[in-house]
Each structure stands twice: as C-alpha cells, then as structure tokens.
C-alpha cells in the first residue's frame, strides 16, 4: 500500500488517520492530522519493526459514511474493511461462534 495526501487510513489499533501533508523531516514521507510521520508504505517510524500506529488499509468512503452517521458500529466498520481487503470470513464465523 502506498499512502497519499488527502486520503484516510486505518491504523493497527483501529483509529482513522488522515494524511494531510508531505512531511518536513527528510526521514519521513507523510504527516497525519496529529503531526505523526509515516514512510510512503504506511509504516510509522519509531525505532522498531512494527507499531500500533502503522497504517494497515485505506478507508472506504461508503463504509466511513455509514460509520460516521452511526448506521454501523466501530466493530462493523473495522470488520467491513477487513472483509473488503481480503480477510477470511470463515475465520470470523468460527471466532464469533466460539463459546
């Protein structure tokens, strides 16, 4: 995934991140609405291989609209993105049916 200015993404903890500008620091490529910096592949740089701030997928506008207007919950928002980007629905069915 290559990130772009003006688009929204979901990070590894399920928060929505808006990329607003090209980063001023030469180590990074982009900055979000909270001045966090990212590489062009969506990785948040913090001295480690993985971060809870890494961007994992682009936000789908239709799913976002339904979430923002409270037609779906945050769980459903994240689940629909998981399925949209190739998540395994069989895994979800098995997990939700477990007691």
PDB file of N, CA and C in Angstrom:
ATOM      1  N   UNK A   1       0.853  -1.176   0.000  1.00  0.00           N
ATOM      2  CA  UNK A   1       0.000   0.000   0.000  1.00  0.00           C
ATOM      3  C   UNK A   1       0.897   1.236   0.000  1.00  0.00           C
ATOM      4  N   UNK A   2       0.617   2.152  -0.866  1.00  0.00           N
ATOM      5  CA  UNK A   2       1.314   3.434  -0.903  1.00  0.00           C
ATOM      6  C   UNK A   2       0.332   4.510  -0.456  1.00  0.00           C
ATOM      7  N   UNK A   3       0.712   5.278   0.544  1.00  0.00           N
ATOM      8  CA  UNK A   3      -0.212   6.282   1.066  1.00  0.00           C
ATOM      9  C   UNK A   3      -0.115   7.576   0.268  1.00  0.00           C
ATOM     10  N   UNK A   4      -1.184   8.380   0.360  1.00  0.00           N
ATOM     11  CA  UNK A   4      -1.280   9.625  -0.390  1.00  0.00           C
ATOM     12  C   UNK A   4      -1.865  10.725   0.486  1.00  0.00           C
ATOM     13  N   UNK A   5      -1.446  11.951   0.224  1.00  0.00           N
ATOM     14  CA  UNK A   5      -2.001  13.112   0.908  1.00  0.00           C
ATOM     15  C   UNK A   5      -3.475  13.229   0.543  1.00  0.00           C
ATOM     16  N   UNK A   6      -4.308  13.525   1.542  1.00  0.00           N
ATOM     17  CA  UNK A   6      -5.735  13.710   1.323  1.00  0.00           C
ATOM     18  C   UNK A   6      -6.575  12.467   1.546  1.00  0.00           C
ATOM     19  N   UNK A   7      -5.933  11.335   1.756  1.00  0.00           N
ATOM     20  CA  UNK A   7      -6.690  10.096   1.991  1.00  0.00           C
ATOM     21  C   UNK A   7      -6.681   9.739   3.470  1.00  0.00           C
ATOM     22  N   UNK A   8      -7.618   8.861   3.842  1.00  0.00           N
ATOM     23  CA  UNK A   8      -7.730   8.389   5.216  1.00  0.00           C
ATOM     24  C   UNK A   8      -7.393   6.913   5.266  1.00  0.00           C
ATOM     25  N   UNK A   9      -6.804   6.516   6.397  1.00  0.00           N
ATOM     26  CA  UNK A   9      -6.358   5.139   6.591  1.00  0.00           C
ATOM     27  C   UNK A   9      -6.738   4.674   7.991  1.00  0.00           C
ATOM     28  N   UNK A  10      -6.759   3.367   8.172  1.00  0.00           N
ATOM     29  CA  UNK A  10      -6.975   2.768   9.496  1.00  0.00           C
ATOM     30  C   UNK A  10      -5.624   2.288   9.987  1.00  0.00           C
ATOM     31  N   UNK A  11      -5.296   2.649  11.237  1.00  0.00           N
ATOM     32  CA  UNK A  11      -4.021   2.173  11.777  1.00  0.00           C
ATOM     33  C   UNK A  11      -4.233   0.852  12.511  1.00  0.00           C
ATOM     34  N   UNK A  12      -3.160   0.299  13.042  1.00  0.00           N
ATOM     35  CA  UNK A  12      -3.194  -1.044  13.622  1.00  0.00           C
ATOM     36  C   UNK A  12      -4.034  -1.148  14.895  1.00  0.00           C
ATOM     37  N   UNK A  13      -4.412  -0.024  15.504  1.00  0.00           N
ATOM     38  CA  UNK A  13      -5.293  -0.077  16.676  1.00  0.00           C
ATOM     39  C   UNK A  13      -6.730   0.307  16.326  1.00  0.00           C
ATOM     40  N   UNK A  14      -7.002   0.520  15.035  1.00  0.00           N
ATOM     41  CA  UNK A  14      -8.366   0.783  14.591  1.00  0.00           C
ATOM     42  C   UNK A  14      -8.768   2.241  14.548  1.00  0.00           C
ATOM     43  N   UNK A  15      -7.828   3.146  14.695  1.00  0.00           N
ATOM     44  CA  UNK A  15      -8.133   4.575  14.606  1.00  0.00           C
ATOM     45  C   UNK A  15      -8.057   5.033  13.150  1.00  0.00           C
ATOM     46  N   UNK A  16      -8.839   6.057  12.833  1.00  0.00           N
ATOM     47  CA  UNK A  16      -8.815   6.643  11.498  1.00  0.00           C
ATOM     48  C   UNK A  16      -7.777   7.752  11.480  1.00  0.00           C
ATOM     49  N   UNK A  17      -6.897   7.700  10.487  1.00  0.00           N
ATOM     50  CA  UNK A  17      -5.795   8.652  10.352  1.00  0.00           C
ATOM     51  C   UNK A  17      -5.935   9.366   9.012  1.00  0.00           C
ATOM     52  N   UNK A  18      -5.895  10.696   9.037  1.00  0.00           N
ATOM     53  CA  UNK A  18      -5.943  11.497   7.811  1.00  0.00           C
ATOM     54  C   UNK A  18      -4.535  11.975   7.466  1.00  0.00           C
ATOM     55  N   UNK A  19      -4.073  11.656   6.272  1.00  0.00           N
ATOM     56  CA  UNK A  19      -2.765  12.141   5.824  1.00  0.00           C
ATOM     57  C   UNK A  19      -2.983  13.524   5.226  1.00  0.00           C
ATOM     58  N   UNK A  20      -2.311  14.530   5.810  1.00  0.00           N
ATOM     59  CA  UNK A  20      -2.599  15.910   5.423  1.00  0.00           C
ATOM     60  C   UNK A  20      -1.482  16.611   4.662  1.00  0.00           C
ATOM     61  N   UNK A  21      -0.246  16.092   4.748  1.00  0.00           N
ATOM     62  CA  UNK A  21       0.832  16.792   4.042  1.00  0.00           C
ATOM     63  C   UNK A  21       2.048  15.890   3.878  1.00  0.00           C
ATOM     64  N   UNK A  22       2.916  16.344   3.009  1.00  0.00           N
ATOM     65  CA  UNK A  22       4.216  15.706   2.877  1.00  0.00           C
ATOM     66  C   UNK A  22       5.039  16.159   4.072  1.00  0.00           C
ATOM     67  N   UNK A  23       5.734  15.226   4.702  1.00  0.00           N
ATOM     68  CA  UNK A  23       6.489  15.526   5.924  1.00  0.00           C
ATOM     69  C   UNK A  23       7.623  16.501   5.647  1.00  0.00           C
ATOM     70  N   UNK A  24       7.897  17.355   6.629  1.00  0.00           N
ATOM     71  CA  UNK A  24       9.000  18.310   6.506  1.00  0.00           C
ATOM     72  C   UNK A  24      10.340  17.651   6.840  1.00  0.00           C
ATOM     73  N   UNK A  25      10.318  16.601   7.649  1.00  0.00           N
ATOM     74  CA  UNK A  25      11.528  15.875   8.029  1.00  0.00           C
ATOM     75  C   UNK A  25      11.921  14.946   6.884  1.00  0.00           C
ATOM     76  N   UNK A  26      13.141  14.951   6.497  1.00  0.00           N
ATOM     77  CA  UNK A  26      13.586  14.141   5.364  1.00  0.00           C
ATOM     78  C   UNK A  26      13.561  12.637   5.633  1.00  0.00           C
ATOM     79  N   UNK A  27      13.449  12.221   6.893  1.00  0.00           N
ATOM     80  CA  UNK A  27      13.393  10.791   7.223  1.00  0.00           C
ATOM     81  C   UNK A  27      12.034  10.184   6.872  1.00  0.00           C
ATOM     82  N   UNK A  28      11.012  11.008   6.800  1.00  0.00           N
ATOM     83  CA  UNK A  28       9.645  10.529   6.609  1.00  0.00           C
ATOM     84  C   UNK A  28       9.066  11.094   5.328  1.00  0.00           C
ATOM     85  N   UNK A  29       7.990  10.491   4.866  1.00  0.00           N
ATOM     86  CA  UNK A  29       7.368  10.940   3.627  1.00  0.00           C
ATOM     87  C   UNK A  29       6.089  11.746   3.851  1.00  0.00           C
ATOM     88  N   UNK A  30       5.277  11.364   4.869  1.00  0.00           N
ATOM     89  CA  UNK A  30       3.975  11.985   5.067  1.00  0.00           C
ATOM     90  C   UNK A  30       3.712  12.259   6.540  1.00  0.00           C
ATOM     91  N   UNK A  31       2.833  13.249   6.793  1.00  0.00           N
ATOM     92  CA  UNK A  31       2.391  13.564   8.160  1.00  0.00           C
ATOM     93  C   UNK A  31       0.874  13.482   8.225  1.00  0.00           C
ATOM     94  N   UNK A  32       0.363  13.071   9.393  1.00  0.00           N
ATOM     95  CA  UNK A  32      -1.084  12.993   9.567  1.00  0.00           C
ATOM     96  C   UNK A  32      -1.619  14.244  10.271  1.00  0.00           C
ATOM     97  N   UNK A  33      -2.901  14.216  10.598  1.00  0.00           N
ATOM     98  CA  UNK A  33      -3.578  15.352  11.218  1.00  0.00           C
ATOM     99  C   UNK A  33      -3.095  15.627  12.646  1.00  0.00           C
ATOM    100  N   UNK A  34      -2.332  14.729  13.227  1.00  0.00           N
ATOM    101  CA  UNK A  34      -1.784  14.929  14.576  1.00  0.00           C
ATOM    102  C   UNK A  34      -0.262  15.070  14.546  1.00  0.00           C
ATOM    103  N   UNK A  35       0.288  15.336  13.393  1.00  0.00           N
ATOM    104  CA  UNK A  35       1.728  15.532  13.179  1.00  0.00           C
ATOM    105  C   UNK A  35       2.572  14.291  13.417  1.00  0.00           C
ATOM    106  N   UNK A  36       1.989  13.112  13.279  1.00  0.00           N
ATOM    107  CA  UNK A  36       2.760  11.870  13.284  1.00  0.00           C
ATOM    108  C   UNK A  36       3.263  11.658  11.857  1.00  0.00           C
ATOM    109  N   UNK A  37       4.449  11.114  11.742  1.00  0.00           N
ATOM    110  CA  UNK A  37       5.059  10.937  10.429  1.00  0.00           C
ATOM    111  C   UNK A  37       5.096   9.471  10.014  1.00  0.00           C
ATOM    112  N   UNK A  38       4.985   9.252   8.707  1.00  0.00           N
ATOM    113  CA  UNK A  38       4.919   7.909   8.136  1.00  0.00           C
ATOM    114  C   UNK A  38       5.822   7.803   6.923  1.00  0.00           C
ATOM    115  N   UNK A  39       6.283   6.595   6.692  1.00  0.00           N
ATOM    116  CA  UNK A  39       7.012   6.278   5.462  1.00  0.00           C
ATOM    117  C   UNK A  39       5.966   6.149   4.339  1.00  0.00           C
ATOM    118  N   UNK A  40       6.398   6.102   3.088  1.00  0.00           N
ATOM    119  CA  UNK A  40       5.437   6.054   1.982  1.00  0.00           C
ATOM    120  C   UNK A  40       4.652   4.749   1.912  1.00  0.00           C
ATOM    121  N   UNK A  41       5.089   3.717   2.627  1.00  0.00           N
ATOM    122  CA  UNK A  41       4.355   2.453   2.649  1.00  0.00           C
ATOM    123  C   UNK A  41       3.377   2.353   3.824  1.00  0.00           C
ATOM    124  N   UNK A  42       3.253   3.440   4.612  1.00  0.00           N
ATOM    125  CA  UNK A  42       2.311   3.463   5.732  1.00  0.00           C
ATOM    126  C   UNK A  42       2.905   3.088   7.068  1.00  0.00           C
ATOM    127  N   UNK A  43       4.177   2.746   7.104  1.00  0.00           N
ATOM    128  CA  UNK A  43       4.810   2.397   8.378  1.00  0.00           C
ATOM    129  C   UNK A  43       5.130   3.653   9.182  1.00  0.00           C
ATOM    130  N   UNK A  44       4.795   3.598  10.455  1.00  0.00           N
ATOM    131  CA  UNK A  44       5.128   4.656  11.395  1.00  0.00           C
ATOM    132  C   UNK A  44       6.519   4.347  11.929  1.00  0.00           C
ATOM    133  N   UNK A  45       7.395   5.309  11.874  1.00  0.00           N
ATOM    134  CA  UNK A  45       8.768   5.055  12.295  1.00  0.00           C
ATOM    135  C   UNK A  45       8.941   5.373  13.771  1.00  0.00           C
ATOM    136  N   UNK A  46       9.439   4.403  14.546  1.00  0.00           N
ATOM    137  CA  UNK A  46       9.639   4.635  15.979  1.00  0.00           C
ATOM    138  C   UNK A  46      10.759   3.793  16.584  1.00  0.00           C
ATOM    139  N   UNK A  47      11.721   3.382  15.824  1.00  0.00           N
ATOM    140  CA  UNK A  47      12.839   2.543  16.281  1.00  0.00           C
ATOM    141  C   UNK A  47      12.461   1.088  16.464  1.00  0.00           C
ATOM    142  N   UNK A  48      11.538   0.574  15.755  1.00  0.00           N
ATOM    143  CA  UNK A  48      11.161  -0.826  15.848  1.00  0.00           C
ATOM    144  C   UNK A  48      10.520  -1.296  14.561  1.00  0.00           C
ATOM    145  N   UNK A  49      10.383  -2.623  14.391  1.00  0.00           N
ATOM    146  CA  UNK A  49       9.859  -3.146  13.133  1.00  0.00           C
ATOM    147  C   UNK A  49       8.356  -2.942  12.951  1.00  0.00           C
ATOM    148  N   UNK A  50       7.593  -2.920  14.019  1.00  0.00           N
ATOM    149  CA  UNK A  50       6.141  -2.772  13.926  1.00  0.00           C
ATOM    150  C   UNK A  50       5.669  -1.785  14.973  1.00  0.00           C
ATOM    151  N   UNK A  51       4.562  -1.118  14.671  1.00  0.00           N
ATOM    152  CA  UNK A  51       3.999  -0.140  15.602  1.00  0.00           C
ATOM    153  C   UNK A  51       2.480  -0.200  15.558  1.00  0.00           C
ATOM    154  N   UNK A  52       1.858   0.128  16.662  1.00  0.00           N
ATOM    155  CA  UNK A  52       0.403   0.201  16.694  1.00  0.00           C
ATOM    156  C   UNK A  52      -0.103   1.364  15.844  1.00  0.00           C
ATOM    157  N   UNK A  53       0.800   2.240  15.417  1.00  0.00           N
ATOM    158  CA  UNK A  53       0.432   3.376  14.575  1.00  0.00           C
ATOM    159  C   UNK A  53       0.612   3.104  13.086  1.00  0.00           C
ATOM    160  N   UNK A  54       1.139   1.934  12.714  1.00  0.00           N
ATOM    161  CA  UNK A  54       1.278   1.585  11.298  1.00  0.00           C
ATOM    162  C   UNK A  54      -0.086   1.632  10.622  1.00  0.00           C
ATOM    163  N   UNK A  55      -0.123   2.143   9.407  1.00  0.00           N
ATOM    164  CA  UNK A  55      -1.363   2.197   8.637  1.00  0.00           C
ATOM    165  C   UNK A  55      -1.565   0.853   7.949  1.00  0.00           C
ATOM    166  N   UNK A  56      -2.773   0.295   8.099  1.00  0.00           N
ATOM    167  CA  UNK A  56      -2.983  -1.051   7.574  1.00  0.00           C
ATOM    168  C   UNK A  56      -3.874  -1.105   6.338  1.00  0.00           C
ATOM    169  N   UNK A  57      -4.766  -0.118   6.165  1.00  0.00           N
ATOM    170  CA  UNK A  57      -5.583  -0.097   4.948  1.00  0.00           C
ATOM    171  C   UNK A  57      -6.186   1.279   4.745  1.00  0.00           C
ATOM    172  N   UNK A  58      -6.532   1.550   3.498  1.00  0.00           N
ATOM    173  CA  UNK A  58      -7.212   2.803   3.164  1.00  0.00           C
ATOM    174  C   UNK A  58      -8.670   2.712   3.595  1.00  0.00           C
ATOM    175  N   UNK A  59      -9.220   3.824   4.025  1.00  0.00           N
ATOM    176  CA  UNK A  59     -10.623   3.870   4.437  1.00  0.00           C
ATOM    177  C   UNK A  59     -11.505   3.951   3.193  1.00  0.00           C
ATOM    178  N   UNK A  60     -12.514   3.104   3.147  1.00  0.00           N
ATOM    179  CA  UNK A  60     -13.513   3.131   2.096  1.00  0.00           C
ATOM    180  C   UNK A  60     -14.537   4.210   2.455  1.00  0.00           C
ATOM    181  N   UNK A  61     -14.799   5.143   1.542  1.00  0.00           N
ATOM    182  CA  UNK A  61     -15.676   6.284   1.833  1.00  0.00           C
ATOM    183  C   UNK A  61     -17.102   5.874   2.185  1.00  0.00           C
ATOM    184  N   UNK A  62     -17.644   4.870   1.520  1.00  0.00           N
ATOM    185  CA  UNK A  62     -19.012   4.436   1.801  1.00  0.00           C
ATOM    186  C   UNK A  62     -19.118   3.832   3.202  1.00  0.00           C
ATOM    187  N   UNK A  63     -18.166   3.006   3.571  1.00  0.00           N
ATOM    188  CA  UNK A  63     -18.168   2.409   4.916  1.00  0.00           C
ATOM    189  C   UNK A  63     -17.970   3.510   5.952  1.00  0.00           C
ATOM    190  N   UNK A  64     -17.088   4.465   5.685  1.00  0.00           N
ATOM    191  CA  UNK A  64     -16.864   5.585   6.601  1.00  0.00           C
ATOM    192  C   UNK A  64     -18.137   6.396   6.790  1.00  0.00           C
ATOM    193  N   UNK A  65     -18.846   6.680   5.712  1.00  0.00           N
ATOM    194  CA  UNK A  65     -20.106   7.425   5.792  1.00  0.00           C
ATOM    195  C   UNK A  65     -21.087   6.722   6.726  1.00  0.00           C
ATOM    196  N   UNK A  66     -21.238   5.413   6.538  1.00  0.00           N
ATOM    197  CA  UNK A  66     -22.174   4.645   7.373  1.00  0.00           C
ATOM    198  C   UNK A  66     -21.747   4.665   8.839  1.00  0.00           C
ATOM    199  N   UNK A  67     -20.445   4.649   9.098  1.00  0.00           N
ATOM    200  CA  UNK A  67     -19.924   4.695  10.470  1.00  0.00           C
ATOM    201  C   UNK A  67     -20.120   6.082  11.086  1.00  0.00           C
ATOM    202  N   UNK A  68     -19.789   7.124  10.335  1.00  0.00           N
ATOM    203  CA  UNK A  68     -19.902   8.482  10.862  1.00  0.00           C
ATOM    204  C   UNK A  68     -21.345   8.863  11.179  1.00  0.00           C
ATOM    205  N   UNK A  69     -22.296   8.329  10.414  1.00  0.00           N
ATOM    206  CA  UNK A  69     -23.708   8.620  10.662  1.00  0.00           C
ATOM    207  C   UNK A  69     -24.390   7.555  11.512  1.00  0.00           C
ATOM    208  N   UNK A  70     -23.557   6.729  12.168  1.00  0.00           N
ATOM    209  CA  UNK A  70     -23.999   5.754  13.163  1.00  0.00           C
ATOM    210  C   UNK A  70     -24.967   4.689  12.635  1.00  0.00           C
ATOM    211  N   UNK A  71     -24.803   4.341  11.347  1.00  0.00           N
ATOM    212  CA  UNK A  71     -25.556   3.216  10.798  1.00  0.00           C
ATOM    213  C   UNK A  71     -24.884   1.894  11.163  1.00  0.00           C
ATOM    214  N   UNK A  72     -23.577   1.958  11.433  1.00  0.00           N
ATOM    215  CA  UNK A  72     -22.827   0.778  11.856  1.00  0.00           C
ATOM    216  C   UNK A  72     -21.931   1.157  13.034  1.00  0.00           C
ATOM    217  N   UNK A  73     -21.552   0.162  13.809  1.00  0.00           N
ATOM    218  CA  UNK A  73     -20.664   0.375  14.959  1.00  0.00           C
ATOM    219  C   UNK A  73     -19.208   0.411  14.492  1.00  0.00           C
ATOM    220  N   UNK A  74     -18.310   0.768  15.392  1.00  0.00           N
ATOM    221  CA  UNK A  74     -16.886   0.756  15.049  1.00  0.00           C
ATOM    222  C   UNK A  74     -16.436  -0.664  14.719  1.00  0.00           C
ATOM    223  N   UNK A  75     -16.939  -1.633  15.465  1.00  0.00           N
ATOM    224  CA  UNK A  75     -16.608  -3.024  15.183  1.00  0.00           C
ATOM    225  C   UNK A  75     -17.012  -3.384  13.747  1.00  0.00           C
ATOM    226  N   UNK A  76     -18.236  -3.016  13.349  1.00  0.00           N
ATOM    227  CA  UNK A  76     -18.703  -3.310  11.999  1.00  0.00           C
ATOM    228  C   UNK A  76     -17.888  -2.542  10.953  1.00  0.00           C
ATOM    229  N   UNK A  77     -17.514  -1.311  11.273  1.00  0.00           N
ATOM    230  CA  UNK A  77     -16.661  -0.502  10.401  1.00  0.00           C
ATOM    231  C   UNK A  77     -15.341  -1.228  10.123  1.00  0.00           C
ATOM    232  N   UNK A  78     -14.700  -1.702  11.190  1.00  0.00           N
ATOM    233  CA  UNK A  78     -13.427  -2.410  11.035  1.00  0.00           C
ATOM    234  C   UNK A  78     -13.615  -3.758  10.354  1.00  0.00           C
ATOM    235  N   UNK A  79     -14.672  -4.469  10.713  1.00  0.00           N
ATOM    236  CA  UNK A  79     -14.957  -5.772  10.115  1.00  0.00           C
ATOM    237  C   UNK A  79     -15.199  -5.650   8.614  1.00  0.00           C
ATOM    238  N   UNK A  80     -15.958  -4.652   8.198  1.00  0.00           N
ATOM    239  CA  UNK A  80     -16.228  -4.481   6.770  1.00  0.00           C
ATOM    240  C   UNK A  80     -14.950  -4.156   5.997  1.00  0.00           C
ATOM    241  N   UNK A  81     -14.041  -3.399   6.591  1.00  0.00           N
ATOM    242  CA  UNK A  81     -12.759  -3.144   5.938  1.00  0.00           C
ATOM    243  C   UNK A  81     -11.924  -4.421   5.867  1.00  0.00           C
ATOM    244  N   UNK A  82     -11.957  -5.203   6.925  1.00  0.00           N
ATOM    245  CA  UNK A  82     -11.237  -6.477   6.935  1.00  0.00           C
ATOM    246  C   UNK A  82     -11.714  -7.353   5.774  1.00  0.00           C
ATOM    247  N   UNK A  83     -13.018  -7.446   5.626  1.00  0.00           N
ATOM    248  CA  UNK A  83     -13.570  -8.269   4.545  1.00  0.00           C
ATOM    249  C   UNK A  83     -13.314  -7.649   3.173  1.00  0.00           C
ATOM    250  N   UNK A  84     -13.401  -6.327   3.060  1.00  0.00           N
ATOM    251  CA  UNK A  84     -13.168  -5.640   1.804  1.00  0.00           C
ATOM    252  C   UNK A  84     -11.762  -5.896   1.276  1.00  0.00           C
ATOM    253  N   UNK A  85     -10.799  -5.906   2.185  1.00  0.00           N
ATOM    254  CA  UNK A  85      -9.409  -6.060   1.752  1.00  0.00           C
ATOM    255  C   UNK A  85      -8.924  -7.502   1.817  1.00  0.00           C
ATOM    256  N   UNK A  86      -9.845  -8.445   1.779  1.00  0.00           N
ATOM    257  CA  UNK A  86      -9.457  -9.834   1.599  1.00  0.00           C
ATOM    258  C   UNK A  86      -9.385 -10.677   2.852  1.00  0.00           C
ATOM    259  N   UNK A  87      -9.980 -10.205   3.945  1.00  0.00           N
ATOM    260  CA  UNK A  87      -9.999 -11.010   5.162  1.00  0.00           C
ATOM    261  C   UNK A  87     -10.821 -12.275   4.977  1.00  0.00           C
ATOM    262  N   UNK A  88     -10.553 -13.272   5.767  1.00  0.00           N
ATOM    263  CA  UNK A  88     -11.206 -14.573   5.654  1.00  0.00           C
ATOM    264  C   UNK A  88     -12.510 -14.589   6.448  1.00  0.00           C
ATOM    265  N   UNK A  89     -13.669 -14.609   5.780  1.00  0.00           N
ATOM    266  CA  UNK A  89     -14.948 -14.623   6.500  1.00  0.00           C
ATOM    267  C   UNK A  89     -15.156 -15.896   7.317  1.00  0.00           C
ATOM    268  N   UNK A  90     -14.541 -16.999   6.899  1.00  0.00           N
ATOM    269  CA  UNK A  90     -14.668 -18.256   7.654  1.00  0.00           C
ATOM    270  C   UNK A  90     -14.050 -18.111   9.042  1.00  0.00           C
ATOM    271  N   UNK A  91     -12.945 -17.403   9.138  1.00  0.00           N
ATOM    272  CA  UNK A  91     -12.304 -17.166  10.431  1.00  0.00           C
ATOM    273  C   UNK A  91     -13.232 -16.387  11.348  1.00  0.00           C
ATOM    274  N   UNK A  92     -13.925 -15.392  10.809  1.00  0.00           N
ATOM    275  CA  UNK A  92     -14.837 -14.572  11.616  1.00  0.00           C
ATOM    276  C   UNK A  92     -15.999 -15.421  12.112  1.00  0.00           C
ATOM    277  N   UNK A  93     -16.577 -16.221  11.234  1.00  0.00           N
ATOM    278  CA  UNK A  93     -17.707 -17.072  11.631  1.00  0.00           C
ATOM    279  C   UNK A  93     -17.276 -18.016  12.749  1.00  0.00           C
ATOM    280  N   UNK A  94     -16.116 -18.639  12.612  1.00  0.00           N
ATOM    281  CA  UNK A  94     -15.625 -19.558  13.637  1.00  0.00           C
ATOM    282  C   UNK A  94     -15.364 -18.840  14.953  1.00  0.00           C
ATOM    283  N   UNK A  95     -14.786 -17.649  14.907  1.00  0.00           N
ATOM    284  CA  UNK A  95     -14.475 -16.904  16.125  1.00  0.00           C
ATOM    285  C   UNK A  95     -15.743 -16.441  16.848  1.00  0.00           C
ATOM    286  N   UNK A  96     -16.745 -15.995  16.083  1.00  0.00           N
ATOM    287  CA  UNK A  96     -17.965 -15.474  16.708  1.00  0.00           C
ATOM    288  C   UNK A  96     -18.841 -16.592  17.253  1.00  0.00           C
ATOM    289  N   UNK A  97     -18.687 -17.808  16.742  1.00  0.00           N
ATOM    290  CA  UNK A  97     -19.492 -18.918  17.220  1.00  0.00           C
ATOM    291  C   UNK A  97     -18.834 -19.670  18.395  1.00  0.00           C
ATOM    292  N   UNK A  98     -17.618 -19.306  18.729  1.00  0.00           N
ATOM    293  CA  UNK A  98     -16.914 -19.985  19.823  1.00  0.00           C
ATOM    294  C   UNK A  98     -17.453 -19.499  21.166  1.00  0.00           C
ATOM    295  N   UNK A  99     -17.551 -20.390  22.107  1.00  0.00           N
ATOM    296  CA  UNK A  99     -18.030 -20.008  23.450  1.00  0.00           C
ATOM    297  C   UNK A  99     -16.996 -20.345  24.476  1.00  0.00           C
TER     298      UNK A  99
END
